Structure formats: structure tokens, C-alpha cells
């Protein structure tokens, strides 16, 4: 089976490429700029057609949450129009599309984990652009799976785990927000889940459970709790460590508002695809170990 994933440097794309190396039944082809540029819709179909995919994973996105407040046109061009064009191209090629989305489509006011049927209410441009992307994907290709995830980290790219390790090597104390709760999600686990889904779609020609799913880590924490686990694990492996000081969101103002509650329930995904995710601490430890100095 041949998967085309948009974006070459993103965490999910890089994790998919790595995961496929140990598999003989799947090939992952990364398609990105300049061949495929989501700000240039005319490049999307030719690039994906050349990749000859059996399934398209739409992972490329504009992810600069604060910068999006000043670059709304660009955020919507990539996350909404571009995502729709990817789904449309997949439909023209006669293949399904998996769209990666985000917890930022919610406002974070729910008391408990969000499920797929909860009302969306993004707080900023980034979340609004991703929600518009979900809608564009659904309209362009009936054979779509929209996977909302949250607090993604991996050995690749920029993410919270790597930032905490870098800061711990520079400082004795790090201030981290303690009043935002979520479900840390390993991009390696997300890639494993996508490959699991791809095999299901290959083997089940009558699959009809298309739509929106949540795919996030198991368990929950806040940002400061996540930071403490990262740094305690790093210290156990002989890496950098620093004290973590709890602060409130109001102590760390950002241009874009973040949801206070980013918890996502992945129960629907687990039941539909018979896939069990790892507890977030276990997944984090395996990645932190990989990031330790040799």
C-alpha cells in the first residue's frame, strides 16, 4: 500500500516515514514544497497524482498559533483552502483522505474530555482555520477521516518536549502554565494508528465509518505536569533537569487564546479501529530517551 503524506518536515509526516521503514506492506511518500505548495492550489493535484497513492494523509498545516492572529489570510489559505484541495485531489484520484486536525477547534470550556459530537467554538484564527479545513475536506471527499489530536510531540521538528529539554540545559528553573489541561500525544503513536487505519481500509472494501475521530494520548495532565515528567525522565536518563514553577495562563500572555481544556476522548477511534494507544507517560519516556545526548 502506498501512502502520500503532505509535508516533509512535520512531526506526523516524519513519524510516518520512519514507521514505514520497518514495514514491508506499506510505502510512505512525502510530498511537500515546492512540488506541493498549499498556498498554490494548482500544484496540489499534479503533485499527488505523481505520487500514485492508495491513500492520502493531509498533514501539512500552518501551525504558528500566535502568528496566525496577524496572518489570517495565510492560515486560511493553507489550513482551509489547501486542505480542501488535498481532499479534492484525493477524490479525483479515487482514494480516501486522512486529515490531521486539532483540539483548537474547541473553546476549552467543557468539564470533561471532548467527544466528536461536541459543539466547536475556536478561540482564535488557527483553530478557526483548522475547523474550516475540516469542513472543506468533508465537502470535497466523502471518503474522509478527520483525526483531531492535541499536544503533539515527537523526536522531530519543534515541540514542547524538545523545548523543555533545551531550556533545562540553559536554566535552573522554568515557569510553565498549570491551568491548561490536555492529552499529550506522541506523533509516533499517531503514525502507528494511521498505518493501522490504512491496513483496515485496504482490507475492508466496504468500510463506511467515515467522518471525525479524536486521536490523542491516553491519560491527562497540565503543561507544568507534562514538563515535570519530561525533566524527571531526562534526569533519570542522565540528561538536563530544571525545577518547574507553576504559573497561570494570565502570567504568560499570548496573542492567541488557548483552550483551558484540551482533553480529547479517543474512545470512538479505539472502538471503530480496534486500536489501543499507549499511556502518555510511557510514550513520552520512549521519545525522551531517544533525545538524550549520546
C-alpha atoms as a PDB file:
ATOM      1  CA  UNK A   1       0.000   0.000   0.000  1.00  0.00           C
ATOM      2  CA  UNK A   2       1.296   3.430  -0.937  1.00  0.00           C
ATOM      3  CA  UNK A   3       0.561   6.455   1.266  1.00  0.00           C
ATOM      4  CA  UNK A   4       1.213  10.025   0.187  1.00  0.00           C
ATOM      5  CA  UNK A   5       1.643  12.401   3.123  1.00  0.00           C
ATOM      6  CA  UNK A   6       1.671  16.151   2.636  1.00  0.00           C
ATOM      7  CA  UNK A   7       4.572  17.951   4.256  1.00  0.00           C
ATOM      8  CA  UNK A   8       8.102  16.602   4.609  1.00  0.00           C
ATOM      9  CA  UNK A   9       9.263  18.112   7.885  1.00  0.00           C
ATOM     10  CA  UNK A  10       6.158  17.925  10.071  1.00  0.00           C
ATOM     11  CA  UNK A  11       6.051  15.644  13.090  1.00  0.00           C
ATOM     12  CA  UNK A  12       3.359  13.319  11.725  1.00  0.00           C
ATOM     13  CA  UNK A  13       4.944  13.128   8.272  1.00  0.00           C
ATOM     14  CA  UNK A  14       8.394  12.368   9.706  1.00  0.00           C
ATOM     15  CA  UNK A  15       6.920   9.763  12.070  1.00  0.00           C
ATOM     16  CA  UNK A  16       5.052   8.061   9.226  1.00  0.00           C
ATOM     17  CA  UNK A  17       8.195   7.911   7.116  1.00  0.00           C
ATOM     18  CA  UNK A  18      10.133   6.356   9.991  1.00  0.00           C
ATOM     19  CA  UNK A  19       7.384   3.852  10.850  1.00  0.00           C
ATOM     20  CA  UNK A  20       7.098   2.677   7.252  1.00  0.00           C
ATOM     21  CA  UNK A  21      10.788   1.792   7.094  1.00  0.00           C
ATOM     22  CA  UNK A  22      10.177  -1.240   9.289  1.00  0.00           C
ATOM     23  CA  UNK A  23       7.134  -2.368   7.306  1.00  0.00           C
ATOM     24  CA  UNK A  24       7.155  -4.395   4.099  1.00  0.00           C
ATOM     25  CA  UNK A  25       3.454  -3.846   3.351  1.00  0.00           C
ATOM     26  CA  UNK A  26       3.426  -0.053   3.133  1.00  0.00           C
ATOM     27  CA  UNK A  27       5.362   2.729   1.455  1.00  0.00           C
ATOM     28  CA  UNK A  28       5.125   6.361   2.551  1.00  0.00           C
ATOM     29  CA  UNK A  29       5.914   9.116   0.076  1.00  0.00           C
ATOM     30  CA  UNK A  30       6.273  12.636   1.490  1.00  0.00           C
ATOM     31  CA  UNK A  31       5.091  15.370  -0.855  1.00  0.00           C
ATOM     32  CA  UNK A  32       5.917  18.959   0.018  1.00  0.00           C
ATOM     33  CA  UNK A  33       7.165  22.303  -1.200  1.00  0.00           C
ATOM     34  CA  UNK A  34       7.934  23.339  -3.836  1.00  0.00           C
ATOM     35  CA  UNK A  35       6.291  20.382  -5.617  1.00  0.00           C
ATOM     36  CA  UNK A  36       3.164  20.662  -3.493  1.00  0.00           C
ATOM     37  CA  UNK A  37       2.530  24.121  -2.050  1.00  0.00           C
ATOM     38  CA  UNK A  38      -0.783  24.584  -0.253  1.00  0.00           C
ATOM     39  CA  UNK A  39      -0.677  28.312  -0.960  1.00  0.00           C
ATOM     40  CA  UNK A  40      -0.637  27.456  -4.679  1.00  0.00           C
ATOM     41  CA  UNK A  41      -3.715  25.283  -5.249  1.00  0.00           C
ATOM     42  CA  UNK A  42      -2.686  24.483  -8.825  1.00  0.00           C
ATOM     43  CA  UNK A  43       0.268  22.425  -7.509  1.00  0.00           C
ATOM     44  CA  UNK A  44      -1.792  20.070  -5.363  1.00  0.00           C
ATOM     45  CA  UNK A  45      -3.340  17.672  -7.858  1.00  0.00           C
ATOM     46  CA  UNK A  46      -0.264  17.212 -10.101  1.00  0.00           C
ATOM     47  CA  UNK A  47       1.947  16.516  -7.067  1.00  0.00           C
ATOM     48  CA  UNK A  48      -0.418  13.935  -5.614  1.00  0.00           C
ATOM     49  CA  UNK A  49      -1.124  12.365  -8.985  1.00  0.00           C
ATOM     50  CA  UNK A  50       2.622  11.838  -9.462  1.00  0.00           C
ATOM     51  CA  UNK A  51       2.824  10.133  -6.054  1.00  0.00           C
ATOM     52  CA  UNK A  52       0.289   7.463  -7.172  1.00  0.00           C
ATOM     53  CA  UNK A  53      -1.179   6.966  -3.678  1.00  0.00           C
ATOM     54  CA  UNK A  54      -3.688   4.439  -2.394  1.00  0.00           C
ATOM     55  CA  UNK A  55      -4.382   6.828   0.498  1.00  0.00           C
ATOM     56  CA  UNK A  56      -3.567  10.489   1.136  1.00  0.00           C
ATOM     57  CA  UNK A  57      -2.614  11.748   4.597  1.00  0.00           C
ATOM     58  CA  UNK A  58      -3.111  15.511   4.764  1.00  0.00           C
ATOM     59  CA  UNK A  59      -0.666  16.524   7.494  1.00  0.00           C
ATOM     60  CA  UNK A  60       0.869  19.773   6.200  1.00  0.00           C
ATOM     61  CA  UNK A  61      -0.504  22.802   8.015  1.00  0.00           C
ATOM     62  CA  UNK A  62       0.092  26.343   9.173  1.00  0.00           C
ATOM     63  CA  UNK A  63       0.740  25.816  12.888  1.00  0.00           C
ATOM     64  CA  UNK A  64       2.078  29.164  14.169  1.00  0.00           C
ATOM     65  CA  UNK A  65      -0.803  29.738  16.595  1.00  0.00           C
ATOM     66  CA  UNK A  66       0.095  33.266  17.708  1.00  0.00           C
ATOM     67  CA  UNK A  67       1.388  34.418  14.332  1.00  0.00           C
ATOM     68  CA  UNK A  68      -1.873  33.331  12.756  1.00  0.00           C
ATOM     69  CA  UNK A  69      -3.603  36.194  14.519  1.00  0.00           C
ATOM     70  CA  UNK A  70      -1.646  38.536  12.226  1.00  0.00           C
ATOM     71  CA  UNK A  71      -1.619  36.238   9.191  1.00  0.00           C
ATOM     72  CA  UNK A  72      -5.196  35.049   8.994  1.00  0.00           C
ATOM     73  CA  UNK A  73      -5.238  35.031   5.187  1.00  0.00           C
ATOM     74  CA  UNK A  74      -2.213  32.746   5.060  1.00  0.00           C
ATOM     75  CA  UNK A  75      -3.547  30.477   7.824  1.00  0.00           C
ATOM     76  CA  UNK A  76      -6.849  30.016   5.994  1.00  0.00           C
ATOM     77  CA  UNK A  77      -5.110  29.589   2.632  1.00  0.00           C
ATOM     78  CA  UNK A  78      -3.109  26.655   3.998  1.00  0.00           C
ATOM     79  CA  UNK A  79      -5.387  25.104   6.625  1.00  0.00           C
ATOM     80  CA  UNK A  80      -8.750  25.597   4.915  1.00  0.00           C
ATOM     81  CA  UNK A  81      -8.373  26.109   1.155  1.00  0.00           C
ATOM     82  CA  UNK A  82      -5.234  23.985   0.912  1.00  0.00           C
ATOM     83  CA  UNK A  83      -6.674  21.138   2.960  1.00  0.00           C
ATOM     84  CA  UNK A  84      -9.790  21.184   0.803  1.00  0.00           C
ATOM     85  CA  UNK A  85      -7.690  20.992  -2.355  1.00  0.00           C
ATOM     86  CA  UNK A  86      -5.804  17.979  -0.994  1.00  0.00           C
ATOM     87  CA  UNK A  87      -9.098  16.206  -0.249  1.00  0.00           C
ATOM     88  CA  UNK A  88     -10.425  17.166  -3.675  1.00  0.00           C
ATOM     89  CA  UNK A  89      -7.299  15.793  -5.349  1.00  0.00           C
ATOM     90  CA  UNK A  90      -7.649  12.525  -3.408  1.00  0.00           C
ATOM     91  CA  UNK A  91     -11.268  12.276  -4.563  1.00  0.00           C
ATOM     92  CA  UNK A  92     -10.232  12.830  -8.191  1.00  0.00           C
ATOM     93  CA  UNK A  93      -7.674  10.052  -7.781  1.00  0.00           C
ATOM     94  CA  UNK A  94     -10.340   7.797  -6.284  1.00  0.00           C
ATOM     95  CA  UNK A  95      -8.648   7.392  -2.889  1.00  0.00           C
ATOM     96  CA  UNK A  96      -9.541   8.290   0.714  1.00  0.00           C
ATOM     97  CA  UNK A  97      -8.004  11.165   2.652  1.00  0.00           C
ATOM     98  CA  UNK A  98      -6.979  11.351   6.299  1.00  0.00           C
ATOM     99  CA  UNK A  99      -6.932  14.942   7.549  1.00  0.00           C
ATOM    100  CA  UNK A 100      -4.988  15.832  10.705  1.00  0.00           C
ATOM    101  CA  UNK A 101      -6.857  18.390  12.815  1.00  0.00           C
ATOM    102  CA  UNK A 102      -6.645  19.831  16.308  1.00  0.00           C
ATOM    103  CA  UNK A 103      -8.162  20.320  19.740  1.00  0.00           C
ATOM    104  CA  UNK A 104      -8.125  24.064  18.990  1.00  0.00           C
ATOM    105  CA  UNK A 105     -11.483  23.710  17.233  1.00  0.00           C
ATOM    106  CA  UNK A 106     -12.945  23.756  20.785  1.00  0.00           C
ATOM    107  CA  UNK A 107     -13.070  26.654  23.245  1.00  0.00           C
ATOM    108  CA  UNK A 108     -11.955  24.557  26.222  1.00  0.00           C
ATOM    109  CA  UNK A 109     -14.906  25.327  28.480  1.00  0.00           C
ATOM    110  CA  UNK A 110     -16.262  21.783  28.733  1.00  0.00           C
ATOM    111  CA  UNK A 111     -15.944  19.955  32.048  1.00  0.00           C
ATOM    112  CA  UNK A 112     -14.503  16.681  30.798  1.00  0.00           C
ATOM    113  CA  UNK A 113     -12.964  15.228  27.664  1.00  0.00           C
ATOM    114  CA  UNK A 114     -14.335  16.379  24.334  1.00  0.00           C
ATOM    115  CA  UNK A 115     -16.085  13.867  22.084  1.00  0.00           C
ATOM    116  CA  UNK A 116     -16.613  14.185  18.351  1.00  0.00           C
ATOM    117  CA  UNK A 117     -20.200  15.430  18.633  1.00  0.00           C
ATOM    118  CA  UNK A 118     -19.392  18.341  20.958  1.00  0.00           C
ATOM    119  CA  UNK A 119     -20.006  21.808  19.555  1.00  0.00           C
ATOM    120  CA  UNK A 120     -16.948  23.521  18.081  1.00  0.00           C
ATOM    121  CA  UNK A 121     -16.069  27.098  19.027  1.00  0.00           C
ATOM    122  CA  UNK A 122     -12.467  28.025  18.179  1.00  0.00           C
ATOM    123  CA  UNK A 123     -10.902  30.829  20.204  1.00  0.00           C
ATOM    124  CA  UNK A 124      -8.507  32.106  17.537  1.00  0.00           C
ATOM    125  CA  UNK A 125      -7.542  32.202  13.883  1.00  0.00           C
ATOM    126  CA  UNK A 126      -5.575  28.957  13.957  1.00  0.00           C
ATOM    127  CA  UNK A 127      -8.474  26.934  15.368  1.00  0.00           C
ATOM    128  CA  UNK A 128     -10.948  28.632  13.035  1.00  0.00           C
ATOM    129  CA  UNK A 129      -8.774  27.868  10.013  1.00  0.00           C
ATOM    130  CA  UNK A 130      -8.445  24.208  11.009  1.00  0.00           C
ATOM    131  CA  UNK A 131     -12.202  23.930  11.542  1.00  0.00           C
ATOM    132  CA  UNK A 132     -12.773  25.461   8.100  1.00  0.00           C
ATOM    133  CA  UNK A 133     -10.343  22.864   6.790  1.00  0.00           C
ATOM    134  CA  UNK A 134     -12.371  20.049   8.335  1.00  0.00           C
ATOM    135  CA  UNK A 135     -15.470  21.380   6.601  1.00  0.00           C
ATOM    136  CA  UNK A 136     -13.682  21.768   3.265  1.00  0.00           C
ATOM    137  CA  UNK A 137     -12.318  18.214   3.459  1.00  0.00           C
ATOM    138  CA  UNK A 138     -15.718  16.745   4.273  1.00  0.00           C
ATOM    139  CA  UNK A 139     -17.304  18.632   1.364  1.00  0.00           C
ATOM    140  CA  UNK A 140     -14.599  17.642  -1.136  1.00  0.00           C
ATOM    141  CA  UNK A 141     -14.221  13.918  -0.454  1.00  0.00           C
ATOM    142  CA  UNK A 142     -16.905  11.668   1.074  1.00  0.00           C
ATOM    143  CA  UNK A 143     -14.222   9.085   1.906  1.00  0.00           C
ATOM    144  CA  UNK A 144     -12.555  11.142   4.610  1.00  0.00           C
ATOM    145  CA  UNK A 145     -11.274  10.571   8.127  1.00  0.00           C
ATOM    146  CA  UNK A 146     -10.610  13.712  10.152  1.00  0.00           C
ATOM    147  CA  UNK A 147      -8.328  12.944  13.090  1.00  0.00           C
ATOM    148  CA  UNK A 148      -8.256  15.598  15.800  1.00  0.00           C
ATOM    149  CA  UNK A 149      -5.243  15.376  18.047  1.00  0.00           C
ATOM    150  CA  UNK A 150      -3.628  17.530  20.749  1.00  0.00           C
ATOM    151  CA  UNK A 151      -0.310  18.496  22.331  1.00  0.00           C
ATOM    152  CA  UNK A 152       1.710  16.615  19.711  1.00  0.00           C
ATOM    153  CA  UNK A 153       5.368  15.834  20.405  1.00  0.00           C
ATOM    154  CA  UNK A 154       7.997  13.590  18.801  1.00  0.00           C
ATOM    155  CA  UNK A 155      11.728  13.279  18.146  1.00  0.00           C
ATOM    156  CA  UNK A 156      11.191  15.511  15.095  1.00  0.00           C
ATOM    157  CA  UNK A 157      10.619  19.208  14.481  1.00  0.00           C
ATOM    158  CA  UNK A 158       9.714  21.725  17.169  1.00  0.00           C
ATOM    159  CA  UNK A 159       7.582  20.649  20.121  1.00  0.00           C
ATOM    160  CA  UNK A 160       7.106  21.026  23.872  1.00  0.00           C
ATOM    161  CA  UNK A 161       9.310  18.087  24.856  1.00  0.00           C
ATOM    162  CA  UNK A 162      12.284  19.384  22.896  1.00  0.00           C
ATOM    163  CA  UNK A 163      11.718  22.924  24.171  1.00  0.00           C
ATOM    164  CA  UNK A 164      11.723  21.793  27.816  1.00  0.00           C
ATOM    165  CA  UNK A 165      14.925  19.804  27.334  1.00  0.00           C
ATOM    166  CA  UNK A 166      16.595  22.785  25.649  1.00  0.00           C
ATOM    167  CA  UNK A 167      15.528  25.197  28.404  1.00  0.00           C
ATOM    168  CA  UNK A 168      16.618  22.774  31.129  1.00  0.00           C
ATOM    169  CA  UNK A 169      20.126  22.836  29.681  1.00  0.00           C
ATOM    170  CA  UNK A 170      20.122  26.642  29.970  1.00  0.00           C
ATOM    171  CA  UNK A 171      18.216  27.396  33.204  1.00  0.00           C
ATOM    172  CA  UNK A 172      17.769  26.177  36.753  1.00  0.00           C
ATOM    173  CA  UNK A 173      14.034  26.974  36.808  1.00  0.00           C
ATOM    174  CA  UNK A 174      11.354  27.030  34.109  1.00  0.00           C
ATOM    175  CA  UNK A 175       7.941  28.665  34.529  1.00  0.00           C
ATOM    176  CA  UNK A 176       5.164  26.611  32.957  1.00  0.00           C
ATOM    177  CA  UNK A 177       1.410  27.154  32.757  1.00  0.00           C
ATOM    178  CA  UNK A 178      -0.527  24.936  35.180  1.00  0.00           C
ATOM    179  CA  UNK A 179      -4.158  25.815  34.390  1.00  0.00           C
ATOM    180  CA  UNK A 180      -4.433  24.297  30.904  1.00  0.00           C
ATOM    181  CA  UNK A 181      -5.256  20.583  30.803  1.00  0.00           C
ATOM    182  CA  UNK A 182      -4.827  18.210  27.883  1.00  0.00           C
ATOM    183  CA  UNK A 183      -3.804  14.858  26.458  1.00  0.00           C
ATOM    184  CA  UNK A 184      -0.171  14.778  25.274  1.00  0.00           C
ATOM    185  CA  UNK A 185       0.009  12.855  22.003  1.00  0.00           C
ATOM    186  CA  UNK A 186       3.065  11.159  20.553  1.00  0.00           C
ATOM    187  CA  UNK A 187       3.386  11.597  16.794  1.00  0.00           C
ATOM    188  CA  UNK A 188       4.933   8.117  16.734  1.00  0.00           C
ATOM    189  CA  UNK A 189       1.691   6.750  18.192  1.00  0.00           C
ATOM    190  CA  UNK A 190      -0.343   8.807  15.706  1.00  0.00           C
ATOM    191  CA  UNK A 191       1.704   7.378  12.838  1.00  0.00           C
ATOM    192  CA  UNK A 192       1.186   3.841  14.144  1.00  0.00           C
ATOM    193  CA  UNK A 193      -2.562   4.488  14.330  1.00  0.00           C
ATOM    194  CA  UNK A 194      -2.649   5.857  10.779  1.00  0.00           C
ATOM    195  CA  UNK A 195      -0.844   2.797   9.431  1.00  0.00           C
ATOM    196  CA  UNK A 196      -3.301   0.623  11.359  1.00  0.00           C
ATOM    197  CA  UNK A 197      -6.188   2.515   9.738  1.00  0.00           C
ATOM    198  CA  UNK A 198      -4.567   2.233   6.306  1.00  0.00           C
ATOM    199  CA  UNK A 199      -4.423  -1.540   6.652  1.00  0.00           C
ATOM    200  CA  UNK A 200      -8.083  -1.602   7.682  1.00  0.00           C
ATOM    201  CA  UNK A 201      -9.095   0.464   4.652  1.00  0.00           C
ATOM    202  CA  UNK A 202      -7.048  -1.797   2.388  1.00  0.00           C
ATOM    203  CA  UNK A 203      -8.655  -4.958   3.728  1.00  0.00           C
ATOM    204  CA  UNK A 204     -12.212  -3.674   4.190  1.00  0.00           C
ATOM    205  CA  UNK A 205     -13.555  -2.546   0.839  1.00  0.00           C
ATOM    206  CA  UNK A 206     -16.951  -1.936   2.439  1.00  0.00           C
ATOM    207  CA  UNK A 207     -15.674   0.432   5.126  1.00  0.00           C
ATOM    208  CA  UNK A 208     -18.277   3.121   5.672  1.00  0.00           C
ATOM    209  CA  UNK A 209     -17.474   4.700   9.058  1.00  0.00           C
ATOM    210  CA  UNK A 210     -16.055   7.873   7.548  1.00  0.00           C
ATOM    211  CA  UNK A 211     -16.074  11.129   9.497  1.00  0.00           C
ATOM    212  CA  UNK A 212     -14.461  12.797  12.504  1.00  0.00           C
ATOM    213  CA  UNK A 213     -12.431  10.959  15.152  1.00  0.00           C
ATOM    214  CA  UNK A 214     -10.344  12.050  18.108  1.00  0.00           C
ATOM    215  CA  UNK A 215      -6.887  10.509  18.316  1.00  0.00           C
ATOM    216  CA  UNK A 216      -4.899  11.681  21.334  1.00  0.00           C
ATOM    217  CA  UNK A 217      -2.794  10.231  24.112  1.00  0.00           C
ATOM    218  CA  UNK A 218      -4.189   8.182  26.964  1.00  0.00           C
ATOM    219  CA  UNK A 219      -4.493   9.991  30.272  1.00  0.00           C
ATOM    220  CA  UNK A 220      -4.311  13.681  31.021  1.00  0.00           C
ATOM    221  CA  UNK A 221      -2.115  16.314  32.625  1.00  0.00           C
ATOM    222  CA  UNK A 222      -1.443  20.034  32.556  1.00  0.00           C
ATOM    223  CA  UNK A 223       1.513  21.751  30.906  1.00  0.00           C
ATOM    224  CA  UNK A 224       3.525  22.010  34.117  1.00  0.00           C
ATOM    225  CA  UNK A 225       2.838  18.369  34.960  1.00  0.00           C
ATOM    226  CA  UNK A 226       3.955  17.426  31.454  1.00  0.00           C
ATOM    227  CA  UNK A 227       7.115  19.491  31.924  1.00  0.00           C
ATOM    228  CA  UNK A 228       7.907  17.837  35.276  1.00  0.00           C
ATOM    229  CA  UNK A 229       7.553  14.379  33.771  1.00  0.00           C
ATOM    230  CA  UNK A 230       9.797  15.330  30.855  1.00  0.00           C
ATOM    231  CA  UNK A 231      12.523  16.715  33.094  1.00  0.00           C
ATOM    232  CA  UNK A 232      12.317  13.995  35.744  1.00  0.00           C
ATOM    233  CA  UNK A 233      12.635  11.410  32.982  1.00  0.00           C
ATOM    234  CA  UNK A 234      15.537  13.320  31.460  1.00  0.00           C
ATOM    235  CA  UNK A 235      17.341  13.369  34.803  1.00  0.00           C
ATOM    236  CA  UNK A 236      16.816   9.611  35.183  1.00  0.00           C
ATOM    237  CA  UNK A 237      18.455   9.128  31.783  1.00  0.00           C
ATOM    238  CA  UNK A 238      21.352  11.419  32.637  1.00  0.00           C
ATOM    239  CA  UNK A 239      20.021  14.407  30.721  1.00  0.00           C
ATOM    240  CA  UNK A 240      19.311  18.025  31.682  1.00  0.00           C
ATOM    241  CA  UNK A 241      16.963  18.868  34.543  1.00  0.00           C
ATOM    242  CA  UNK A 242      15.433  22.023  35.976  1.00  0.00           C
ATOM    243  CA  UNK A 243      12.833  22.988  38.558  1.00  0.00           C
ATOM    244  CA  UNK A 244       9.356  23.685  37.211  1.00  0.00           C
ATOM    245  CA  UNK A 245       7.399  26.603  38.666  1.00  0.00           C
ATOM    246  CA  UNK A 246       3.641  26.636  38.181  1.00  0.00           C
ATOM    247  CA  UNK A 247       2.180  29.807  36.696  1.00  0.00           C
ATOM    248  CA  UNK A 248      -1.273  30.823  35.479  1.00  0.00           C
ATOM    249  CA  UNK A 249      -2.208  31.490  31.873  1.00  0.00           C
ATOM    250  CA  UNK A 250      -2.596  35.150  32.827  1.00  0.00           C
ATOM    251  CA  UNK A 251       1.075  35.176  33.875  1.00  0.00           C
ATOM    252  CA  UNK A 252       2.146  34.166  30.388  1.00  0.00           C
ATOM    253  CA  UNK A 253       0.084  36.277  27.971  1.00  0.00           C
ATOM    254  CA  UNK A 254      -0.002  35.207  24.323  1.00  0.00           C
ATOM    255  CA  UNK A 255      -1.544  36.830  21.289  1.00  0.00           C
ATOM    256  CA  UNK A 256      -3.860  33.865  20.712  1.00  0.00           C
ATOM    257  CA  UNK A 257      -6.033  32.417  23.459  1.00  0.00           C
ATOM    258  CA  UNK A 258      -5.556  28.719  24.250  1.00  0.00           C
ATOM    259  CA  UNK A 259      -8.295  26.319  25.375  1.00  0.00           C
ATOM    260  CA  UNK A 260      -8.154  25.728  29.134  1.00  0.00           C
ATOM    261  CA  UNK A 261      -9.355  22.169  28.477  1.00  0.00           C
ATOM    262  CA  UNK A 262      -7.833  20.295  25.534  1.00  0.00           C
ATOM    263  CA  UNK A 263      -8.738  16.808  26.685  1.00  0.00           C
ATOM    264  CA  UNK A 264      -9.951  14.601  23.842  1.00  0.00           C
ATOM    265  CA  UNK A 265     -11.704  11.251  24.224  1.00  0.00           C
ATOM    266  CA  UNK A 266     -10.388   8.728  21.710  1.00  0.00           C
ATOM    267  CA  UNK A 267     -12.959   6.063  22.588  1.00  0.00           C
ATOM    268  CA  UNK A 268     -14.742   6.244  19.226  1.00  0.00           C
ATOM    269  CA  UNK A 269     -11.472   5.683  17.354  1.00  0.00           C
ATOM    270  CA  UNK A 270     -10.473   2.805  19.647  1.00  0.00           C
ATOM    271  CA  UNK A 271     -13.801   1.034  19.173  1.00  0.00           C
ATOM    272  CA  UNK A 272     -14.051   1.576  15.422  1.00  0.00           C
ATOM    273  CA  UNK A 273     -10.487   0.595  14.567  1.00  0.00           C
ATOM    274  CA  UNK A 274      -9.669  -1.747  17.462  1.00  0.00           C
ATOM    275  CA  UNK A 275      -6.517   0.210  18.263  1.00  0.00           C
ATOM    276  CA  UNK A 276      -5.228   0.890  21.760  1.00  0.00           C
ATOM    277  CA  UNK A 277      -2.962   3.849  22.368  1.00  0.00           C
ATOM    278  CA  UNK A 278      -0.137   3.989  24.901  1.00  0.00           C
ATOM    279  CA  UNK A 279      -0.439   5.902  28.171  1.00  0.00           C
ATOM    280  CA  UNK A 280       1.119   9.320  27.597  1.00  0.00           C
ATOM    281  CA  UNK A 281       3.881   8.922  30.176  1.00  0.00           C
ATOM    282  CA  UNK A 282       5.104   5.715  28.565  1.00  0.00           C
ATOM    283  CA  UNK A 283       5.104   7.266  25.091  1.00  0.00           C
ATOM    284  CA  UNK A 284       6.893  10.361  26.361  1.00  0.00           C
ATOM    285  CA  UNK A 285       9.591   8.337  28.092  1.00  0.00           C
ATOM    286  CA  UNK A 286      10.471   6.434  24.918  1.00  0.00           C
ATOM    287  CA  UNK A 287      10.869   9.683  22.978  1.00  0.00           C
ATOM    288  CA  UNK A 288      12.828  11.446  25.737  1.00  0.00           C
ATOM    289  CA  UNK A 289      15.234   8.502  25.816  1.00  0.00           C
ATOM    290  CA  UNK A 290      15.824   8.981  22.079  1.00  0.00           C
ATOM    291  CA  UNK A 291      16.544  12.687  22.591  1.00  0.00           C
ATOM    292  CA  UNK A 292      19.224  12.159  25.228  1.00  0.00           C
ATOM    293  CA  UNK A 293      22.797  13.099  24.261  1.00  0.00           C
ATOM    294  CA  UNK A 294      24.746  10.101  23.027  1.00  0.00           C
END
